[in-house]
Structure formats: C-alpha cells, structure tokens
Protein backbone atom coordinates (compact mmCIF):
# COMPACT_ATOMS: atom_id res chain seq x y z
CA MET A 1 94.34 55.95 129.76
CA THR A 2 92.46 57.09 126.68
CA LEU A 3 90.75 54.75 124.25
CA ARG A 4 93.45 55.55 121.69
CA GLU A 5 96.17 54.59 124.18
CA ALA A 6 94.29 51.37 124.96
CA VAL A 7 94.16 50.48 121.26
CA GLU A 8 97.88 51.23 120.89
CA ARG A 9 98.65 48.91 123.82
CA LEU A 10 96.48 46.16 122.33
CA VAL A 11 98.26 46.53 118.99
CA ALA A 12 101.65 46.24 120.72
CA ALA A 13 100.60 43.24 122.83
CA LEU A 14 98.54 41.23 120.33
CA ALA A 15 99.62 42.34 116.81
CA PRO A 16 96.00 42.26 115.59
CA GLU A 17 94.56 42.71 112.13
CA GLU A 18 91.70 44.85 113.44
CA VAL A 19 90.29 46.41 116.60
CA TRP A 20 86.57 47.20 116.67
CA LEU A 21 84.58 49.33 119.11
CA PHE A 22 80.99 48.15 119.48
CA GLY A 23 78.01 48.53 121.78
CA SER A 24 76.81 51.73 123.39
CA TRP A 25 80.07 53.64 122.86
CA ALA A 26 80.05 52.90 119.13
CA ARG A 27 76.40 53.96 118.88
CA GLY A 28 77.01 57.19 120.80
CA GLU A 29 74.66 56.06 123.58
CA ALA A 30 77.16 55.46 126.39
CA GLY A 31 76.29 56.59 129.88
CA PRO A 32 78.49 57.05 132.94
CA ASP A 33 78.26 53.34 133.83
CA SER A 34 78.77 51.99 130.30
CA ASP A 35 81.68 49.69 129.64
CA VAL A 36 83.83 49.88 126.54
CA ASP A 37 83.24 46.89 124.24
CA LEU A 38 86.16 45.90 121.99
CA LEU A 39 86.66 43.08 119.51
CA VAL A 40 90.28 42.37 118.59
CA VAL A 41 90.80 40.17 115.52
CA VAL A 42 94.17 38.41 115.42
CA PRO A 43 95.73 36.63 112.41
CA TYR A 44 96.92 33.60 114.38
CA GLU A 45 95.26 30.73 116.24
CA GLY A 46 94.75 30.71 119.97
CA ASP A 47 92.21 30.21 122.72
CA PRO A 48 89.98 33.32 122.85
CA LYS A 49 90.02 33.32 126.67
CA GLU A 50 93.82 33.18 126.82
CA LEU A 51 94.12 35.85 124.14
CA ALA A 52 91.67 38.11 126.00
CA LEU A 53 93.68 37.62 129.19
CA ARG A 54 96.78 38.87 127.38
CA GLY A 55 94.77 41.88 126.24
CA TYR A 56 93.47 42.64 129.73
CA ARG A 57 97.04 42.43 131.08
CA ALA A 58 98.19 44.95 128.49
CA LEU A 59 95.44 47.32 129.64
CA ARG A 60 96.07 47.10 133.39
CA GLY A 61 95.35 50.41 135.07
CA ARG A 62 93.14 51.61 132.21
CA GLY A 63 90.63 53.41 134.46
CA PHE A 64 87.46 52.37 132.60
CA PRO A 65 85.27 49.23 132.53
CA LEU A 66 86.01 46.98 129.57
CA ASP A 67 84.50 43.97 127.83
CA LEU A 68 87.23 42.55 125.60
CA LEU A 69 86.81 39.84 122.96
CA VAL A 70 89.93 38.56 121.19
CA TYR A 71 89.20 36.16 118.33
CA PRO A 72 91.42 34.56 115.71
CA ARG A 73 90.39 35.52 112.14
CA ALA A 74 89.47 31.89 111.39
CA LEU A 75 87.04 31.83 114.33
CA VAL A 76 85.47 35.12 113.22
CA GLU A 77 84.92 33.69 109.73
CA GLN A 78 83.54 30.45 111.16
CA ARG A 79 81.09 32.20 113.48
CA LEU A 80 79.96 34.60 110.76
CA GLY A 81 79.33 31.56 108.56
CA GLU A 82 77.25 30.08 111.37
CA GLY A 83 75.20 33.30 111.52
CA SER A 84 76.61 34.91 114.68
CA LEU A 85 74.31 37.84 115.46
CA LEU A 86 76.91 39.46 117.71
CA LEU A 87 79.63 39.51 115.06
CA ARG A 88 77.25 40.67 112.35
CA GLU A 89 76.18 43.54 114.62
CA ILE A 90 79.79 44.45 115.43
CA PHE A 91 80.77 44.65 111.76
CA ARG A 92 77.56 46.44 110.78
CA GLU A 93 77.27 49.00 113.59
CA GLY A 94 80.74 49.05 115.16
CA ARG A 95 83.63 51.39 114.50
CA CYS A 96 86.96 50.09 113.28
CA LEU A 97 89.57 51.75 115.50
CA TYR A 98 92.57 49.98 113.99
CA ALA A 99 93.22 48.12 110.75
CA ARG A 100 96.67 46.71 110.06
CA GLY A 101 98.30 48.36 107.09
CA SER A 102 96.06 51.41 107.15
CA GLY A 103 98.05 53.26 109.79
CA LYS A 104 94.70 54.06 111.38
CA VAL A 105 94.47 54.16 115.16
CA ALA A 106 91.38 56.10 116.14
C-alpha cells in the first residue's frame, strides 16, 4: 500500500477534515526503519484512542510501520491553546496530505 492509498482509506473510514504527515518522512529524513507519522483531524467528537483504532483497522495490511493520531478538531484547538509543542510542530513542519474540500490527496 502506498501512502496515497493509505490516506484514501483513512478518508473513507474517518471522513476527516485534514490528514497531516509529520516527523522524519515530512522532513525528508526518513531511514529504512522510520515509521510514518500521521495526524488525522476529524470534525466530530470521539475518544482519540478509539478513533485511532478505527484508522489502524482501515490500514490493515499496509506494509509499513505507522504512528497514527486521530484527534477531533475541538481537541486540536484546545491543545494548541494549551501550547502543545507536538501540534505546533506538526502544523509548522508537517505536510498536509488531505484537506476536505480541496480535492487534494497527496
């Protein structure tokens, strides 16, 4: 499965607003043992662990290591307001692979 196919599956399973690639892959520093780091922002409420589990199920058989975060938009806004370094880094250095309404799936 390619990264594009993974994003398409996440879009179908979770109906997100955005999907962000972050970490070493986004910086162009990934090595052979690097995992793919994704943040999926959804427009509805839900437990991040349960939402991530749905995402992992959609990506079964992907063939690459993955660290998946799935956060409701309200939680993203709350954590940014609290000064979350991780989220600030994701939005500053990450790559948006999907944005609802843009038709963009990278």
